[in-house]
Full PDB file with SEQRES, HELIX, SHEET, SSBOND, CRYST1, ORIGX, SCALE, CONECT and MASTER records, all heavy atoms in Angstrom:
SEQRES   1 A   37  ASP ALA LEU SER LEU LEU ALA LEU ASP ALA GLN SER GLN          
SEQRES   2 A   37  VAL ASP ALA LEU ALA PRO ALA ASP VAL PRO GLU GLU ILE          
SEQRES   3 A   37  LEU ALA ARG PHE ARG ILE ALA ALA THR ARG CYS                  
HELIX    1 AA1 ALA A    2  ALA A    7  1                                   6    
HELIX    2 AA2 ALA A   10  LEU A   17  1                                   8    
HELIX    3 AA3 VAL A   22  ARG A   36  1                                  15    
CRYST1    1.000    1.000    1.000  90.00  90.00  90.00 P 1           1          
ORIGX1      1.000000  0.000000  0.000000        0.00000                         
ORIGX2      0.000000  1.000000  0.000000        0.00000                         
ORIGX3      0.000000  0.000000  1.000000        0.00000                         
SCALE1      1.000000  0.000000  0.000000        0.00000                         
SCALE2      0.000000  1.000000  0.000000        0.00000                         
SCALE3      0.000000  0.000000  1.000000        0.00000                         
ATOM      1  N   ASP A   1       0.812  -1.193   0.012  1.00  0.00           N  
ATOM      2  CA  ASP A   1      -0.010  -0.018  -0.013  1.00  0.00           C  
ATOM      3  C   ASP A   1       0.867   1.242  -0.005  1.00  0.00           C  
ATOM      4  O   ASP A   1       0.524   2.208  -0.688  1.00  0.00           O  
ATOM      5  CB  ASP A   1      -0.927   0.015   1.204  1.00  0.00           C  
ATOM      6  CG  ASP A   1      -2.063  -1.016   1.186  1.00  0.00           C  
ATOM      7  OD1 ASP A   1      -2.272  -1.618   0.070  1.00  0.00           O  
ATOM      8  OD2 ASP A   1      -2.688  -1.268   2.171  1.00  0.00           O  
ATOM      9  N   ALA A   2       1.936   1.251   0.826  1.00  0.00           N  
ATOM     10  CA  ALA A   2       2.796   2.435   0.878  1.00  0.00           C  
ATOM     11  C   ALA A   2       3.550   2.597  -0.484  1.00  0.00           C  
ATOM     12  O   ALA A   2       3.694   3.791  -0.908  1.00  0.00           O  
ATOM     13  CB  ALA A   2       3.820   2.253   2.062  1.00  0.00           C  
ATOM     14  N   LEU A   3       4.052   1.536  -1.067  1.00  0.00           N  
ATOM     15  CA  LEU A   3       4.678   1.657  -2.332  1.00  0.00           C  
ATOM     16  C   LEU A   3       3.678   2.088  -3.390  1.00  0.00           C  
ATOM     17  O   LEU A   3       4.049   2.900  -4.292  1.00  0.00           O  
ATOM     18  CB  LEU A   3       5.344   0.348  -2.718  1.00  0.00           C  
ATOM     19  CG  LEU A   3       6.606  -0.089  -2.012  1.00  0.00           C  
ATOM     20  CD1 LEU A   3       6.985  -1.428  -2.257  1.00  0.00           C  
ATOM     21  CD2 LEU A   3       7.749   0.913  -2.328  1.00  0.00           C  
ATOM     22  N   SER A   4       2.396   1.634  -3.346  1.00  0.00           N  
ATOM     23  CA  SER A   4       1.457   2.000  -4.379  1.00  0.00           C  
ATOM     24  C   SER A   4       1.130   3.542  -4.302  1.00  0.00           C  
ATOM     25  O   SER A   4       1.019   4.196  -5.258  1.00  0.00           O  
ATOM     26  CB  SER A   4       0.164   1.194  -4.193  1.00  0.00           C  
ATOM     27  OG  SER A   4       0.338  -0.183  -4.454  1.00  0.00           O  
ATOM     28  N   LEU A   5       1.005   3.990  -3.119  1.00  0.00           N  
ATOM     29  CA  LEU A   5       0.753   5.471  -2.856  1.00  0.00           C  
ATOM     30  C   LEU A   5       1.989   6.234  -3.342  1.00  0.00           C  
ATOM     31  O   LEU A   5       1.884   7.280  -3.972  1.00  0.00           O  
ATOM     32  CB  LEU A   5       0.564   5.686  -1.342  1.00  0.00           C  
ATOM     33  CG  LEU A   5       0.237   7.155  -0.915  1.00  0.00           C  
ATOM     34  CD1 LEU A   5      -1.084   7.631  -1.667  1.00  0.00           C  
ATOM     35  CD2 LEU A   5      -0.049   7.135   0.575  1.00  0.00           C  
ATOM     36  N   LEU A   6       3.157   5.685  -3.059  1.00  0.00           N  
ATOM     37  CA  LEU A   6       4.415   6.454  -3.439  1.00  0.00           C  
ATOM     38  C   LEU A   6       4.497   6.454  -4.950  1.00  0.00           C  
ATOM     39  O   LEU A   6       5.076   7.338  -5.539  1.00  0.00           O  
ATOM     40  CB  LEU A   6       5.547   5.691  -2.763  1.00  0.00           C  
ATOM     41  CG  LEU A   6       7.010   6.276  -3.002  1.00  0.00           C  
ATOM     42  CD1 LEU A   6       6.974   7.776  -2.498  1.00  0.00           C  
ATOM     43  CD2 LEU A   6       7.963   5.481  -2.164  1.00  0.00           C  
ATOM     44  N   ALA A   7       4.045   5.487  -5.653  1.00  0.00           N  
ATOM     45  CA  ALA A   7       4.210   5.260  -7.056  1.00  0.00           C  
ATOM     46  C   ALA A   7       3.183   6.225  -7.839  1.00  0.00           C  
ATOM     47  O   ALA A   7       3.360   6.434  -9.075  1.00  0.00           O  
ATOM     48  CB  ALA A   7       3.921   3.889  -7.533  1.00  0.00           C  
ATOM     49  N   LEU A   8       2.231   6.753  -7.192  1.00  0.00           N  
ATOM     50  CA  LEU A   8       1.190   7.615  -7.934  1.00  0.00           C  
ATOM     51  C   LEU A   8       1.836   8.924  -8.331  1.00  0.00           C  
ATOM     52  O   LEU A   8       2.854   9.376  -7.792  1.00  0.00           O  
ATOM     53  CB  LEU A   8       0.053   7.949  -6.849  1.00  0.00           C  
ATOM     54  CG  LEU A   8      -0.820   6.851  -6.397  1.00  0.00           C  
ATOM     55  CD1 LEU A   8      -1.733   7.434  -5.298  1.00  0.00           C  
ATOM     56  CD2 LEU A   8      -1.603   6.392  -7.598  1.00  0.00           C  
ATOM     57  N   ASP A   9       1.227   9.594  -9.312  1.00  0.00           N  
ATOM     58  CA  ASP A   9       1.666  10.913  -9.749  1.00  0.00           C  
ATOM     59  C   ASP A   9       1.355  11.862  -8.619  1.00  0.00           C  
ATOM     60  O   ASP A   9       0.590  11.652  -7.678  1.00  0.00           O  
ATOM     61  CB  ASP A   9       0.910  11.282 -11.057  1.00  0.00           C  
ATOM     62  CG  ASP A   9      -0.468  11.428 -10.831  1.00  0.00           C  
ATOM     63  OD1 ASP A   9      -1.036  12.617 -10.519  1.00  0.00           O  
ATOM     64  OD2 ASP A   9      -1.228  10.390 -11.045  1.00  0.00           O  
ATOM     65  N   ALA A  10       2.013  13.083  -8.748  1.00  0.00           N  
ATOM     66  CA  ALA A  10       1.928  14.075  -7.711  1.00  0.00           C  
ATOM     67  C   ALA A  10       0.547  14.462  -7.432  1.00  0.00           C  
ATOM     68  O   ALA A  10       0.106  14.581  -6.156  1.00  0.00           O  
ATOM     69  CB  ALA A  10       2.699  15.342  -8.213  1.00  0.00           C  
ATOM     70  N   GLN A  11      -0.238  14.845  -8.415  1.00  0.00           N  
ATOM     71  CA  GLN A  11      -1.655  15.255  -8.094  1.00  0.00           C  
ATOM     72  C   GLN A  11      -2.425  14.094  -7.417  1.00  0.00           C  
ATOM     73  O   GLN A  11      -3.259  14.467  -6.478  1.00  0.00           O  
ATOM     74  CB  GLN A  11      -2.417  15.585  -9.428  1.00  0.00           C  
ATOM     75  CG  GLN A  11      -3.797  16.194  -9.213  1.00  0.00           C  
ATOM     76  CD  GLN A  11      -3.688  17.506  -8.378  1.00  0.00           C  
ATOM     77  OE1 GLN A  11      -3.017  18.439  -8.807  1.00  0.00           O  
ATOM     78  NE2 GLN A  11      -4.422  17.613  -7.246  1.00  0.00           N  
ATOM     79  N   SER A  12      -2.262  12.900  -7.857  1.00  0.00           N  
ATOM     80  CA  SER A  12      -2.975  11.782  -7.196  1.00  0.00           C  
ATOM     81  C   SER A  12      -2.497  11.562  -5.694  1.00  0.00           C  
ATOM     82  O   SER A  12      -3.437  11.271  -4.911  1.00  0.00           O  
ATOM     83  CB  SER A  12      -2.808  10.504  -7.904  1.00  0.00           C  
ATOM     84  OG  SER A  12      -3.375  10.507  -9.206  1.00  0.00           O  
ATOM     85  N   GLN A  13      -1.326  11.857  -5.443  1.00  0.00           N  
ATOM     86  CA  GLN A  13      -0.829  11.671  -4.055  1.00  0.00           C  
ATOM     87  C   GLN A  13      -1.492  12.809  -3.238  1.00  0.00           C  
ATOM     88  O   GLN A  13      -1.918  12.503  -2.072  1.00  0.00           O  
ATOM     89  CB  GLN A  13       0.749  11.865  -4.052  1.00  0.00           C  
ATOM     90  CG  GLN A  13       1.436  10.705  -4.558  1.00  0.00           C  
ATOM     91  CD  GLN A  13       2.894  10.928  -4.761  1.00  0.00           C  
ATOM     92  OE1 GLN A  13       3.414  12.018  -5.099  1.00  0.00           O  
ATOM     93  NE2 GLN A  13       3.595   9.840  -4.539  1.00  0.00           N  
ATOM     94  N   VAL A  14      -1.543  13.969  -3.714  1.00  0.00           N  
ATOM     95  CA  VAL A  14      -2.154  15.134  -2.913  1.00  0.00           C  
ATOM     96  C   VAL A  14      -3.604  14.839  -2.800  1.00  0.00           C  
ATOM     97  O   VAL A  14      -4.088  14.971  -1.715  1.00  0.00           O  
ATOM     98  CB  VAL A  14      -1.949  16.451  -3.641  1.00  0.00           C  
ATOM     99  CG1 VAL A  14      -2.659  17.587  -2.944  1.00  0.00           C  
ATOM    100  CG2 VAL A  14      -0.397  16.789  -3.657  1.00  0.00           C  
ATOM    101  N   ASP A  15      -4.304  14.324  -3.849  1.00  0.00           N  
ATOM    102  CA  ASP A  15      -5.740  14.079  -3.722  1.00  0.00           C  
ATOM    103  C   ASP A  15      -5.985  13.017  -2.704  1.00  0.00           C  
ATOM    104  O   ASP A  15      -6.983  13.135  -1.961  1.00  0.00           O  
ATOM    105  CB  ASP A  15      -6.238  13.632  -5.065  1.00  0.00           C  
ATOM    106  CG  ASP A  15      -6.311  14.821  -6.045  1.00  0.00           C  
ATOM    107  OD1 ASP A  15      -6.213  15.905  -5.734  1.00  0.00           O  
ATOM    108  OD2 ASP A  15      -6.507  14.485  -7.270  1.00  0.00           O  
ATOM    109  N   ALA A  16      -5.133  12.023  -2.546  1.00  0.00           N  
ATOM    110  CA  ALA A  16      -5.346  10.839  -1.762  1.00  0.00           C  
ATOM    111  C   ALA A  16      -5.069  11.270  -0.219  1.00  0.00           C  
ATOM    112  O   ALA A  16      -5.732  10.720   0.677  1.00  0.00           O  
ATOM    113  CB  ALA A  16      -4.361   9.741  -2.041  1.00  0.00           C  
ATOM    114  N   LEU A  17      -4.221  12.288   0.016  1.00  0.00           N  
ATOM    115  CA  LEU A  17      -3.815  12.431   1.431  1.00  0.00           C  
ATOM    116  C   LEU A  17      -4.125  13.854   1.937  1.00  0.00           C  
ATOM    117  O   LEU A  17      -4.003  14.159   3.202  1.00  0.00           O  
ATOM    118  CB  LEU A  17      -2.258  12.187   1.525  1.00  0.00           C  
ATOM    119  CG  LEU A  17      -1.886  10.778   1.321  1.00  0.00           C  
ATOM    120  CD1 LEU A  17      -0.373  10.692   1.390  1.00  0.00           C  
ATOM    121  CD2 LEU A  17      -2.489   9.911   2.509  1.00  0.00           C  
ATOM    122  N   ALA A  18      -4.448  14.835   1.081  1.00  0.00           N  
ATOM    123  CA  ALA A  18      -4.833  16.172   1.582  1.00  0.00           C  
ATOM    124  C   ALA A  18      -6.016  16.091   2.574  1.00  0.00           C  
ATOM    125  O   ALA A  18      -6.822  15.271   2.374  1.00  0.00           O  
ATOM    126  CB  ALA A  18      -5.088  17.058   0.415  1.00  0.00           C  
ATOM    127  N   PRO A  19      -6.004  16.853   3.629  1.00  0.00           N  
ATOM    128  CA  PRO A  19      -5.124  18.070   3.882  1.00  0.00           C  
ATOM    129  C   PRO A  19      -3.839  17.723   4.632  1.00  0.00           C  
ATOM    130  O   PRO A  19      -3.223  18.604   5.128  1.00  0.00           O  
ATOM    131  CB  PRO A  19      -6.067  18.938   4.655  1.00  0.00           C  
ATOM    132  CG  PRO A  19      -6.904  17.933   5.480  1.00  0.00           C  
ATOM    133  CD  PRO A  19      -7.081  16.818   4.493  1.00  0.00           C  
ATOM    134  N   ALA A  20      -3.561  16.402   4.805  1.00  0.00           N  
ATOM    135  CA  ALA A  20      -2.339  16.051   5.512  1.00  0.00           C  
ATOM    136  C   ALA A  20      -1.066  16.708   4.878  1.00  0.00           C  
ATOM    137  O   ALA A  20      -1.190  17.056   3.719  1.00  0.00           O  
ATOM    138  CB  ALA A  20      -2.181  14.614   5.629  1.00  0.00           C  
ATOM    139  N   ASP A  21       0.024  16.705   5.469  1.00  0.00           N  
ATOM    140  CA  ASP A  21       1.261  17.093   5.012  1.00  0.00           C  
ATOM    141  C   ASP A  21       1.721  15.889   4.121  1.00  0.00           C  
ATOM    142  O   ASP A  21       2.187  14.874   4.622  1.00  0.00           O  
ATOM    143  CB  ASP A  21       2.349  17.392   6.085  1.00  0.00           C  
ATOM    144  CG  ASP A  21       3.577  17.812   5.568  1.00  0.00           C  
ATOM    145  OD1 ASP A  21       3.861  17.787   4.369  1.00  0.00           O  
ATOM    146  OD2 ASP A  21       4.399  18.422   6.356  1.00  0.00           O  
ATOM    147  N   VAL A  22       1.456  15.971   2.791  1.00  0.00           N  
ATOM    148  CA  VAL A  22       1.507  14.810   1.953  1.00  0.00           C  
ATOM    149  C   VAL A  22       2.952  14.251   1.858  1.00  0.00           C  
ATOM    150  O   VAL A  22       3.128  13.028   2.110  1.00  0.00           O  
ATOM    151  CB  VAL A  22       1.148  15.203   0.552  1.00  0.00           C  
ATOM    152  CG1 VAL A  22       1.310  14.072  -0.460  1.00  0.00           C  
ATOM    153  CG2 VAL A  22      -0.367  15.540   0.555  1.00  0.00           C  
ATOM    154  N   PRO A  23       4.107  14.966   1.795  1.00  0.00           N  
ATOM    155  CA  PRO A  23       5.422  14.356   1.802  1.00  0.00           C  
ATOM    156  C   PRO A  23       5.612  13.641   3.059  1.00  0.00           C  
ATOM    157  O   PRO A  23       6.156  12.571   3.062  1.00  0.00           O  
ATOM    158  CB  PRO A  23       6.329  15.557   1.629  1.00  0.00           C  
ATOM    159  CG  PRO A  23       5.551  16.667   1.041  1.00  0.00           C  
ATOM    160  CD  PRO A  23       4.079  16.444   1.520  1.00  0.00           C  
ATOM    161  N   GLU A  24       5.356  14.251   4.152  1.00  0.00           N  
ATOM    162  CA  GLU A  24       5.609  13.613   5.432  1.00  0.00           C  
ATOM    163  C   GLU A  24       4.863  12.297   5.581  1.00  0.00           C  
ATOM    164  O   GLU A  24       5.329  11.325   6.081  1.00  0.00           O  
ATOM    165  CB  GLU A  24       5.289  14.575   6.606  1.00  0.00           C  
ATOM    166  CG  GLU A  24       6.253  15.707   6.795  1.00  0.00           C  
ATOM    167  CD  GLU A  24       7.675  15.208   7.315  1.00  0.00           C  
ATOM    168  OE1 GLU A  24       7.715  14.166   7.933  1.00  0.00           O  
ATOM    169  OE2 GLU A  24       8.644  15.860   7.081  1.00  0.00           O  
ATOM    170  N   GLU A  25       3.549  12.400   5.193  1.00  0.00           N  
ATOM    171  CA  GLU A  25       2.617  11.283   5.372  1.00  0.00           C  
ATOM    172  C   GLU A  25       3.135  10.098   4.559  1.00  0.00           C  
ATOM    173  O   GLU A  25       3.204   8.957   4.999  1.00  0.00           O  
ATOM    174  CB  GLU A  25       1.185  11.599   5.019  1.00  0.00           C  
ATOM    175  CG  GLU A  25       0.189  10.483   5.262  1.00  0.00           C  
ATOM    176  CD  GLU A  25       0.009  10.129   6.731  1.00  0.00           C  
ATOM    177  OE1 GLU A  25       0.198  10.958   7.609  1.00  0.00           O  
ATOM    178  OE2 GLU A  25      -0.449   9.008   6.891  1.00  0.00           O  
ATOM    179  N   ILE A  26       3.424  10.352   3.278  1.00  0.00           N  
ATOM    180  CA  ILE A  26       3.980   9.327   2.371  1.00  0.00           C  
ATOM    181  C   ILE A  26       5.211   8.689   2.919  1.00  0.00           C  
ATOM    182  O   ILE A  26       5.335   7.407   2.933  1.00  0.00           O  
ATOM    183  CB  ILE A  26       4.153   9.795   0.885  1.00  0.00           C  
ATOM    184  CG1 ILE A  26       2.855  10.043   0.262  1.00  0.00           C  
ATOM    185  CG2 ILE A  26       5.027   8.858   0.112  1.00  0.00           C  
ATOM    186  CD1 ILE A  26       2.890  10.694  -1.144  1.00  0.00           C  
ATOM    187  N   LEU A  27       6.167   9.479   3.348  1.00  0.00           N  
ATOM    188  CA  LEU A  27       7.443   9.018   3.825  1.00  0.00           C  
ATOM    189  C   LEU A  27       7.152   8.189   5.150  1.00  0.00           C  
ATOM    190  O   LEU A  27       7.811   7.188   5.360  1.00  0.00           O  
ATOM    191  CB  LEU A  27       8.391  10.150   4.055  1.00  0.00           C  
ATOM    192  CG  LEU A  27       8.996  10.677   2.735  1.00  0.00           C  
ATOM    193  CD1 LEU A  27       9.753  11.899   3.097  1.00  0.00           C  
ATOM    194  CD2 LEU A  27       9.633   9.674   1.885  1.00  0.00           C  
ATOM    195  N   ALA A  28       6.280   8.686   6.001  1.00  0.00           N  
ATOM    196  CA  ALA A  28       6.001   8.020   7.248  1.00  0.00           C  
ATOM    197  C   ALA A  28       5.403   6.590   7.010  1.00  0.00           C  
ATOM    198  O   ALA A  28       5.903   5.596   7.599  1.00  0.00           O  
ATOM    199  CB  ALA A  28       5.149   8.863   8.182  1.00  0.00           C  
ATOM    200  N   ARG A  29       4.512   6.585   6.172  1.00  0.00           N  
ATOM    201  CA  ARG A  29       3.857   5.289   5.797  1.00  0.00           C  
ATOM    202  C   ARG A  29       4.864   4.303   5.272  1.00  0.00           C  
ATOM    203  O   ARG A  29       4.888   3.088   5.643  1.00  0.00           O  
ATOM    204  CB  ARG A  29       2.687   5.435   4.879  1.00  0.00           C  
ATOM    205  CG  ARG A  29       1.535   6.112   5.491  1.00  0.00           C  
ATOM    206  CD  ARG A  29       0.441   6.291   4.450  1.00  0.00           C  
ATOM    207  NE  ARG A  29      -0.733   7.041   4.988  1.00  0.00           N  
ATOM    208  CZ  ARG A  29      -1.933   6.963   4.565  1.00  0.00           C  
ATOM    209  NH1 ARG A  29      -2.173   6.265   3.533  1.00  0.00           N  
ATOM    210  NH2 ARG A  29      -2.852   7.752   5.101  1.00  0.00           N  
ATOM    211  N   PHE A  30       5.719   4.822   4.390  1.00  0.00           N  
ATOM    212  CA  PHE A  30       6.703   3.950   3.812  1.00  0.00           C  
ATOM    213  C   PHE A  30       7.740   3.478   4.785  1.00  0.00           C  
ATOM    214  O   PHE A  30       8.084   2.284   4.865  1.00  0.00           O  
ATOM    215  CB  PHE A  30       7.404   4.602   2.631  1.00  0.00           C  
ATOM    216  CG  PHE A  30       8.549   3.760   2.014  1.00  0.00           C  
ATOM    217  CD1 PHE A  30       8.302   2.575   1.396  1.00  0.00           C  
ATOM    218  CD2 PHE A  30       9.892   4.204   2.118  1.00  0.00           C  
ATOM    219  CE1 PHE A  30       9.405   1.836   0.919  1.00  0.00           C  
ATOM    220  CE2 PHE A  30      10.866   3.501   1.764  1.00  0.00           C  
ATOM    221  CZ  PHE A  30      10.655   2.223   1.092  1.00  0.00           C  
ATOM    222  N   ARG A  31       8.194   4.381   5.606  1.00  0.00           N  
ATOM    223  CA  ARG A  31       9.249   3.942   6.633  1.00  0.00           C  
ATOM    224  C   ARG A  31       8.750   2.942   7.527  1.00  0.00           C  
ATOM    225  O   ARG A  31       9.399   1.955   7.812  1.00  0.00           O  
ATOM    226  CB  ARG A  31       9.570   5.220   7.404  1.00  0.00           C  
ATOM    227  CG  ARG A  31      10.738   6.074   6.843  1.00  0.00           C  
ATOM    228  CD  ARG A  31      11.196   7.123   7.874  1.00  0.00           C  
ATOM    229  NE  ARG A  31      11.580   8.262   7.190  1.00  0.00           N  
ATOM    230  CZ  ARG A  31      10.806   9.452   7.209  1.00  0.00           C  
ATOM    231  NH1 ARG A  31       9.774   9.681   7.924  1.00  0.00           N  
ATOM    232  NH2 ARG A  31      11.329  10.490   6.545  1.00  0.00           N  
ATOM    233  N   ILE A  32       7.529   3.093   8.073  1.00  0.00           N  
ATOM    234  CA  ILE A  32       6.884   2.132   8.994  1.00  0.00           C  
ATOM    235  C   ILE A  32       6.764   0.772   8.371  1.00  0.00           C  
ATOM    236  O   ILE A  32       7.144  -0.242   8.883  1.00  0.00           O  
ATOM    237  CB  ILE A  32       5.573   2.745   9.602  1.00  0.00           C  
ATOM    238  CG1 ILE A  32       5.799   3.919  10.473  1.00  0.00           C  
ATOM    239  CG2 ILE A  32       4.879   1.616  10.354  1.00  0.00           C  
ATOM    240  CD1 ILE A  32       4.501   4.727  10.814  1.00  0.00           C  
ATOM    241  N   ALA A  33       6.177   0.751   7.167  1.00  0.00           N  
ATOM    242  CA  ALA A  33       5.900  -0.481   6.469  1.00  0.00           C  
ATOM    243  C   ALA A  33       7.219  -1.184   6.180  1.00  0.00           C  
ATOM    244  O   ALA A  33       7.418  -2.428   6.341  1.00  0.00           O  
ATOM    245  CB  ALA A  33       5.130  -0.268   5.331  1.00  0.00           C  
ATOM    246  N   ALA A  34       8.123  -0.430   5.577  1.00  0.00           N  
ATOM    247  CA  ALA A  34       9.475  -0.962   5.258  1.00  0.00           C  
ATOM    248  C   ALA A  34      10.258  -1.530   6.471  1.00  0.00           C  
ATOM    249  O   ALA A  34      10.772  -2.652   6.420  1.00  0.00           O  
ATOM    250  CB  ALA A  34      10.284   0.073   4.414  1.00  0.00           C  
ATOM    251  N   THR A  35      10.199  -0.824   7.526  1.00  0.00           N  
ATOM    252  CA  THR A  35      10.937  -1.206   8.722  1.00  0.00           C  
ATOM    253  C   THR A  35      10.318  -2.571   9.307  1.00  0.00           C  
ATOM    254  O   THR A  35      11.028  -3.502   9.627  1.00  0.00           O  
ATOM    255  CB  THR A  35      10.942  -0.165   9.759  1.00  0.00           C  
ATOM    256  OG1 THR A  35      11.543   1.086   9.166  1.00  0.00           O  
ATOM    257  CG2 THR A  35      11.599  -0.470  11.003  1.00  0.00           C  
ATOM    258  N   ARG A  36       8.986  -2.569   9.271  1.00  0.00           N  
ATOM    259  CA  ARG A  36       8.281  -3.896   9.708  1.00  0.00           C  
ATOM    260  C   ARG A  36       8.679  -5.022   8.909  1.00  0.00           C  
ATOM    261  O   ARG A  36       9.051  -6.129   9.433  1.00  0.00           O  
ATOM    262  CB  ARG A  36       6.863  -3.675   9.675  1.00  0.00           C  
ATOM    263  CG  ARG A  36       6.171  -2.979  10.859  1.00  0.00           C  
ATOM    264  CD  ARG A  36       4.721  -2.853  10.759  1.00  0.00           C  
ATOM    265  NE  ARG A  36       4.063  -4.171  10.780  1.00  0.00           N  
ATOM    266  CZ  ARG A  36       2.872  -4.369  10.189  1.00  0.00           C  
ATOM    267  NH1 ARG A  36       2.179  -3.408   9.622  1.00  0.00           N  
ATOM    268  NH2 ARG A  36       2.299  -5.580  10.196  1.00  0.00           N  
ATOM    269  N   CYS A  37       8.737  -4.891   7.591  1.00  0.00           N  
ATOM    270  CA  CYS A  37       9.111  -6.008   6.694  1.00  0.00           C  
ATOM    271  C   CYS A  37      10.553  -6.373   6.834  1.00  0.00           C  
ATOM    272  O   CYS A  37      10.899  -7.572   6.861  1.00  0.00           O  
ATOM    273  CB  CYS A  37       8.748  -5.681   5.267  1.00  0.00           C  
ATOM    274  SG  CYS A  37       7.054  -5.684   4.916  1.00  0.00           S  
TER     275      CYS A  37                                                      
MASTER        0    0    0    3    0    0    0    6  274    1    0    3          
END                                                                             
């Protein structure tokens, strides 16, 4: 899921996560999932 979100184009990433801080949210999700694996 984190990689799929990361792979989206810029506008789709913003649409999926706004109003959150999109860069921070994407990186946090990836870091957590990657570290667990």
